[in-house]
């Protein structure tokens, strides 16, 4: 059974005349000057903290 599944998963079944999927890159803009890309985990933490603070402010404004 495993051999059958592997065979099915490796066979390319494309529709006739179908173009392969293509992803075109897009610019996401420039990086803020105060952001060091070598410390992306710190950036993620900072962004998460900002979002938590924003949500807390919204909750307190009710």
PDB file of N, CA and C in Angstrom:
ATOM      1  N   UNK A   1       0.821  -1.182   0.000  1.00  0.00           N
ATOM      2  CA  UNK A   1       0.000   0.000   0.000  1.00  0.00           C
ATOM      3  C   UNK A   1       0.877   1.262   0.000  1.00  0.00           C
ATOM      4  N   UNK A   2       1.940   1.272   0.789  1.00  0.00           N
ATOM      5  CA  UNK A   2       2.822   2.435   0.828  1.00  0.00           C
ATOM      6  C   UNK A   2       3.432   2.715  -0.540  1.00  0.00           C
ATOM      7  N   UNK A   3       3.799   1.650  -1.242  1.00  0.00           N
ATOM      8  CA  UNK A   3       4.380   1.827  -2.576  1.00  0.00           C
ATOM      9  C   UNK A   3       3.367   2.471  -3.516  1.00  0.00           C
ATOM     10  N   UNK A   4       2.118   2.063  -3.416  1.00  0.00           N
ATOM     11  CA  UNK A   4       1.075   2.632  -4.263  1.00  0.00           C
ATOM     12  C   UNK A   4       0.879   4.109  -3.956  1.00  0.00           C
ATOM     13  N   UNK A   5       0.837   4.453  -2.678  1.00  0.00           N
ATOM     14  CA  UNK A   5       0.687   5.861  -2.296  1.00  0.00           C
ATOM     15  C   UNK A   5       1.866   6.693  -2.785  1.00  0.00           C
ATOM     16  N   UNK A   6       3.072   6.174  -2.597  1.00  0.00           N
ATOM     17  CA  UNK A   6       4.254   6.912  -3.055  1.00  0.00           C
ATOM     18  C   UNK A   6       4.222   7.116  -4.571  1.00  0.00           C
ATOM     19  N   UNK A   7       3.819   6.085  -5.292  1.00  0.00           N
ATOM     20  CA  UNK A   7       3.761   6.183  -6.751  1.00  0.00           C
ATOM     21  C   UNK A   7       2.758   7.245  -7.177  1.00  0.00           C
ATOM     22  N   UNK A   8       1.607   7.271  -6.518  1.00  0.00           N
ATOM     23  CA  UNK A   8       0.580   8.264  -6.851  1.00  0.00           C
ATOM     24  C   UNK A   8       1.038   9.675  -6.519  1.00  0.00           C
ATOM     25  N   UNK A   9       1.737   9.829  -5.408  1.00  0.00           N
ATOM     26  CA  UNK A   9       2.178  11.158  -4.996  1.00  0.00           C
ATOM     27  C   UNK A   9       3.301  11.698  -5.871  1.00  0.00           C
ATOM     28  N   UNK A  10       4.074  10.812  -6.485  1.00  0.00           N
ATOM     29  CA  UNK A  10       5.190  11.274  -7.308  1.00  0.00           C
ATOM     30  C   UNK A  10       4.797  11.509  -8.757  1.00  0.00           C
ATOM     31  N   UNK A  11       3.654  10.978  -9.177  1.00  0.00           N
ATOM     32  CA  UNK A  11       3.210  11.175 -10.558  1.00  0.00           C
ATOM     33  C   UNK A  11       2.656  12.590 -10.709  1.00  0.00           C
ATOM     34  N   UNK A  12       3.137  13.300 -11.710  1.00  0.00           N
ATOM     35  CA  UNK A  12       2.624  14.653 -11.965  1.00  0.00           C
ATOM     36  C   UNK A  12       1.364  14.536 -12.812  1.00  0.00           C
ATOM     37  N   UNK A  13       0.284  15.046 -12.241  1.00  0.00           N
ATOM     38  CA  UNK A  13      -0.993  15.019 -12.961  1.00  0.00           C
ATOM     39  C   UNK A  13      -1.406  16.451 -13.251  1.00  0.00           C
ATOM     40  N   UNK A  14      -0.963  16.971 -14.348  1.00  0.00           N
ATOM     41  CA  UNK A  14      -1.311  18.337 -14.724  1.00  0.00           C
ATOM     42  C   UNK A  14      -2.393  18.304 -15.791  1.00  0.00           C
ATOM     43  N   UNK A  15      -3.223  19.306 -15.767  1.00  0.00           N
ATOM     44  CA  UNK A  15      -4.243  19.425 -16.789  1.00  0.00           C
ATOM     45  C   UNK A  15      -3.577  19.807 -18.106  1.00  0.00           C
ATOM     46  N   UNK A  16      -4.090  19.302 -19.199  1.00  0.00           N
ATOM     47  CA  UNK A  16      -3.489  19.661 -20.497  1.00  0.00           C
ATOM     48  C   UNK A  16      -3.572  21.171 -20.722  1.00  0.00           C
ATOM     49  N   UNK A  17      -2.465  21.754 -21.078  1.00  0.00           N
ATOM     50  CA  UNK A  17      -2.427  23.183 -21.367  1.00  0.00           C
ATOM     51  C   UNK A  17      -2.347  24.067 -20.144  1.00  0.00           C
ATOM     52  N   UNK A  18      -2.320  23.483 -18.958  1.00  0.00           N
ATOM     53  CA  UNK A  18      -2.247  24.274 -17.728  1.00  0.00           C
ATOM     54  C   UNK A  18      -0.832  24.794 -17.532  1.00  0.00           C
ATOM     55  N   UNK A  19      -0.736  26.063 -17.138  1.00  0.00           N
ATOM     56  CA  UNK A  19       0.570  26.650 -16.874  1.00  0.00           C
ATOM     57  C   UNK A  19       0.991  26.325 -15.443  1.00  0.00           C
ATOM     58  N   UNK A  20       2.275  26.115 -15.230  1.00  0.00           N
ATOM     59  CA  UNK A  20       2.721  25.882 -13.855  1.00  0.00           C
ATOM     60  C   UNK A  20       2.544  27.141 -13.012  1.00  0.00           C
ATOM     61  N   UNK A  21       2.320  26.962 -11.722  1.00  0.00           N
ATOM     62  CA  UNK A  21       2.141  28.087 -10.811  1.00  0.00           C
ATOM     63  C   UNK A  21       3.416  28.919 -10.771  1.00  0.00           C
ATOM     64  N   UNK A  22       3.252  30.222 -10.838  1.00  0.00           N
ATOM     65  CA  UNK A  22       4.398  31.128 -10.807  1.00  0.00           C
ATOM     66  C   UNK A  22       4.128  32.232  -9.797  1.00  0.00           C
ATOM     67  N   UNK A  23       5.076  32.444  -8.914  1.00  0.00           N
ATOM     68  CA  UNK A  23       4.958  33.484  -7.909  1.00  0.00           C
ATOM     69  C   UNK A  23       5.855  34.643  -8.303  1.00  0.00           C
ATOM     70  N   UNK A  24       5.271  35.805  -8.476  1.00  0.00           N
ATOM     71  CA  UNK A  24       6.044  36.988  -8.845  1.00  0.00           C
ATOM     72  C   UNK A  24       6.387  37.762  -7.585  1.00  0.00           C
ATOM     73  N   UNK A  25       7.663  38.042  -7.372  1.00  0.00           N
ATOM     74  CA  UNK A  25       8.055  38.780  -6.164  1.00  0.00           C
ATOM     75  C   UNK A  25       7.546  40.214  -6.201  1.00  0.00           C
ATOM     76  N   UNK A  26       7.201  40.724  -5.053  1.00  0.00           N
ATOM     77  CA  UNK A  26       6.734  42.099  -4.910  1.00  0.00           C
ATOM     78  C   UNK A  26       7.553  42.783  -3.827  1.00  0.00           C
ATOM     79  N   UNK A  27       7.765  44.051  -3.976  1.00  0.00           N
ATOM     80  CA  UNK A  27       8.486  44.807  -2.972  1.00  0.00           C
ATOM     81  C   UNK A  27       7.580  45.018  -1.764  1.00  0.00           C
ATOM     82  N   UNK A  28       8.127  44.797  -0.587  1.00  0.00           N
ATOM     83  CA  UNK A  28       7.381  45.024   0.641  1.00  0.00           C
ATOM     84  C   UNK A  28       7.761  46.354   1.270  1.00  0.00           C
ATOM     85  N   UNK A  29       8.496  47.152   0.532  1.00  0.00           N
ATOM     86  CA  UNK A  29       8.908  48.445   1.045  1.00  0.00           C
ATOM     87  C   UNK A  29      10.257  48.352   1.735  1.00  0.00           C
ATOM     88  N   UNK A  30      10.708  49.469   2.214  1.00  0.00           N
ATOM     89  CA  UNK A  30      12.008  49.484   2.869  1.00  0.00           C
ATOM     90  C   UNK A  30      11.860  49.178   4.354  1.00  0.00           C
ATOM     91  N   UNK A  31      12.952  48.816   4.958  1.00  0.00           N
ATOM     92  CA  UNK A  31      12.980  48.487   6.376  1.00  0.00           C
ATOM     93  C   UNK A  31      13.171  49.765   7.173  1.00  0.00           C
ATOM     94  N   UNK A  32      12.495  49.843   8.308  1.00  0.00           N
ATOM     95  CA  UNK A  32      12.661  50.998   9.180  1.00  0.00           C
ATOM     96  C   UNK A  32      14.113  51.106   9.605  1.00  0.00           C
ATOM     97  N   UNK A  33      14.593  52.320   9.753  1.00  0.00           N
ATOM     98  CA  UNK A  33      15.984  52.549  10.100  1.00  0.00           C
ATOM     99  C   UNK A  33      16.382  52.017  11.453  1.00  0.00           C
ATOM    100  N   UNK A  34      15.448  51.904  12.378  1.00  0.00           N
ATOM    101  CA  UNK A  34      15.782  51.447  13.722  1.00  0.00           C
ATOM    102  C   UNK A  34      15.671  49.934  13.880  1.00  0.00           C
ATOM    103  N   UNK A  35      15.518  49.195  12.774  1.00  0.00           N
ATOM    104  CA  UNK A  35      15.358  47.751  12.830  1.00  0.00           C
ATOM    105  C   UNK A  35      16.632  47.079  12.324  1.00  0.00           C
ATOM    106  N   UNK A  36      17.193  46.205  13.146  1.00  0.00           N
ATOM    107  CA  UNK A  36      18.372  45.435  12.772  1.00  0.00           C
ATOM    108  C   UNK A  36      17.908  44.056  12.306  1.00  0.00           C
ATOM    109  N   UNK A  37      18.082  43.752  11.032  1.00  0.00           N
ATOM    110  CA  UNK A  37      17.582  42.489  10.493  1.00  0.00           C
ATOM    111  C   UNK A  37      18.323  41.282  11.047  1.00  0.00           C
ATOM    112  N   UNK A  38      19.464  41.490  11.662  1.00  0.00           N
ATOM    113  CA  UNK A  38      20.186  40.388  12.277  1.00  0.00           C
ATOM    114  C   UNK A  38      19.507  39.923  13.557  1.00  0.00           C
ATOM    115  N   UNK A  39      18.572  40.690  14.034  1.00  0.00           N
ATOM    116  CA  UNK A  39      17.878  40.351  15.279  1.00  0.00           C
ATOM    117  C   UNK A  39      16.379  40.247  15.034  1.00  0.00           C
ATOM    118  N   UNK A  40      16.011  39.366  14.120  1.00  0.00           N
ATOM    119  CA  UNK A  40      14.608  39.275  13.724  1.00  0.00           C
ATOM    120  C   UNK A  40      13.702  38.758  14.837  1.00  0.00           C
ATOM    121  N   UNK A  41      14.218  37.908  15.726  1.00  0.00           N
ATOM    122  CA  UNK A  41      13.376  37.450  16.831  1.00  0.00           C
ATOM    123  C   UNK A  41      13.035  38.604  17.764  1.00  0.00           C
ATOM    124  N   UNK A  42      13.989  39.498  17.960  1.00  0.00           N
ATOM    125  CA  UNK A  42      13.713  40.681  18.772  1.00  0.00           C
ATOM    126  C   UNK A  42      12.662  41.548  18.100  1.00  0.00           C
ATOM    127  N   UNK A  43      12.754  41.661  16.793  1.00  0.00           N
ATOM    128  CA  UNK A  43      11.767  42.425  16.036  1.00  0.00           C
ATOM    129  C   UNK A  43      10.383  41.808  16.203  1.00  0.00           C
ATOM    130  N   UNK A  44      10.293  40.490  16.065  1.00  0.00           N
ATOM    131  CA  UNK A  44       9.003  39.814  16.209  1.00  0.00           C
ATOM    132  C   UNK A  44       8.439  40.030  17.609  1.00  0.00           C
ATOM    133  N   UNK A  45       9.292  39.943  18.622  1.00  0.00           N
ATOM    134  CA  UNK A  45       8.842  40.179  19.995  1.00  0.00           C
ATOM    135  C   UNK A  45       8.331  41.604  20.165  1.00  0.00           C
ATOM    136  N   UNK A  46       9.055  42.540  19.605  1.00  0.00           N
ATOM    137  CA  UNK A  46       8.668  43.946  19.723  1.00  0.00           C
ATOM    138  C   UNK A  46       7.329  44.215  19.048  1.00  0.00           C
ATOM    139  N   UNK A  47       7.157  43.655  17.857  1.00  0.00           N
ATOM    140  CA  UNK A  47       5.890  43.843  17.141  1.00  0.00           C
ATOM    141  C   UNK A  47       4.734  43.195  17.897  1.00  0.00           C
ATOM    142  N   UNK A  48       4.987  42.020  18.457  1.00  0.00           N
ATOM    143  CA  UNK A  48       3.947  41.351  19.234  1.00  0.00           C
ATOM    144  C   UNK A  48       3.587  42.171  20.471  1.00  0.00           C
ATOM    145  N   UNK A  49       4.596  42.711  21.145  1.00  0.00           N
ATOM    146  CA  UNK A  49       4.342  43.552  22.321  1.00  0.00           C
ATOM    147  C   UNK A  49       3.515  44.779  21.959  1.00  0.00           C
ATOM    148  N   UNK A  50       3.850  45.411  20.833  1.00  0.00           N
ATOM    149  CA  UNK A  50       3.088  46.583  20.391  1.00  0.00           C
ATOM    150  C   UNK A  50       1.634  46.224  20.138  1.00  0.00           C
ATOM    151  N   UNK A  51       1.395  45.066  19.532  1.00  0.00           N
ATOM    152  CA  UNK A  51       0.026  44.641  19.234  1.00  0.00           C
ATOM    153  C   UNK A  51      -0.745  44.338  20.519  1.00  0.00           C
ATOM    154  N   UNK A  52      -0.094  43.704  21.476  1.00  0.00           N
ATOM    155  CA  UNK A  52      -0.746  43.422  22.761  1.00  0.00           C
ATOM    156  C   UNK A  52      -1.127  44.721  23.452  1.00  0.00           C
ATOM    157  N   UNK A  53      -0.217  45.685  23.464  1.00  0.00           N
ATOM    158  CA  UNK A  53      -0.509  46.981  24.076  1.00  0.00           C
ATOM    159  C   UNK A  53      -1.679  47.674  23.381  1.00  0.00           C
ATOM    160  N   UNK A  54      -1.715  47.592  22.045  1.00  0.00           N
ATOM    161  CA  UNK A  54      -2.806  48.205  21.282  1.00  0.00           C
ATOM    162  C   UNK A  54      -4.139  47.579  21.684  1.00  0.00           C
ATOM    163  N   UNK A  55      -4.181  46.253  21.796  1.00  0.00           N
ATOM    164  CA  UNK A  55      -5.421  45.572  22.160  1.00  0.00           C
ATOM    165  C   UNK A  55      -5.840  45.902  23.587  1.00  0.00           C
ATOM    166  N   UNK A  56      -4.867  45.999  24.485  1.00  0.00           N
ATOM    167  CA  UNK A  56      -5.190  46.357  25.861  1.00  0.00           C
ATOM    168  C   UNK A  56      -5.762  47.771  25.942  1.00  0.00           C
ATOM    169  N   UNK A  57      -5.204  48.683  25.172  1.00  0.00           N
ATOM    170  CA  UNK A  57      -5.729  50.062  25.158  1.00  0.00           C
ATOM    171  C   UNK A  57      -7.156  50.089  24.636  1.00  0.00           C
ATOM    172  N   UNK A  58      -7.422  49.301  23.602  1.00  0.00           N
ATOM    173  CA  UNK A  58      -8.786  49.247  23.042  1.00  0.00           C
ATOM    174  C   UNK A  58      -9.758  48.700  24.085  1.00  0.00           C
ATOM    175  N   UNK A  59      -9.343  47.698  24.815  1.00  0.00           N
ATOM    176  CA  UNK A  59     -10.203  47.091  25.829  1.00  0.00           C
ATOM    177  C   UNK A  59     -10.470  48.084  26.968  1.00  0.00           C
ATOM    178  N   UNK A  60      -9.460  48.838  27.358  1.00  0.00           N
ATOM    179  CA  UNK A  60      -9.612  49.796  28.460  1.00  0.00           C
ATOM    180  C   UNK A  60     -10.425  51.021  28.063  1.00  0.00           C
ATOM    181  N   UNK A  61     -10.506  51.300  26.775  1.00  0.00           N
ATOM    182  CA  UNK A  61     -11.264  52.472  26.298  1.00  0.00           C
ATOM    183  C   UNK A  61     -12.762  52.229  26.270  1.00  0.00           C
ATOM    184  N   UNK A  62     -13.193  51.015  26.501  1.00  0.00           N
ATOM    185  CA  UNK A  62     -14.632  50.696  26.430  1.00  0.00           C
ATOM    186  C   UNK A  62     -15.380  51.280  27.556  1.00  0.00           C
TER     187      UNK A  62
END
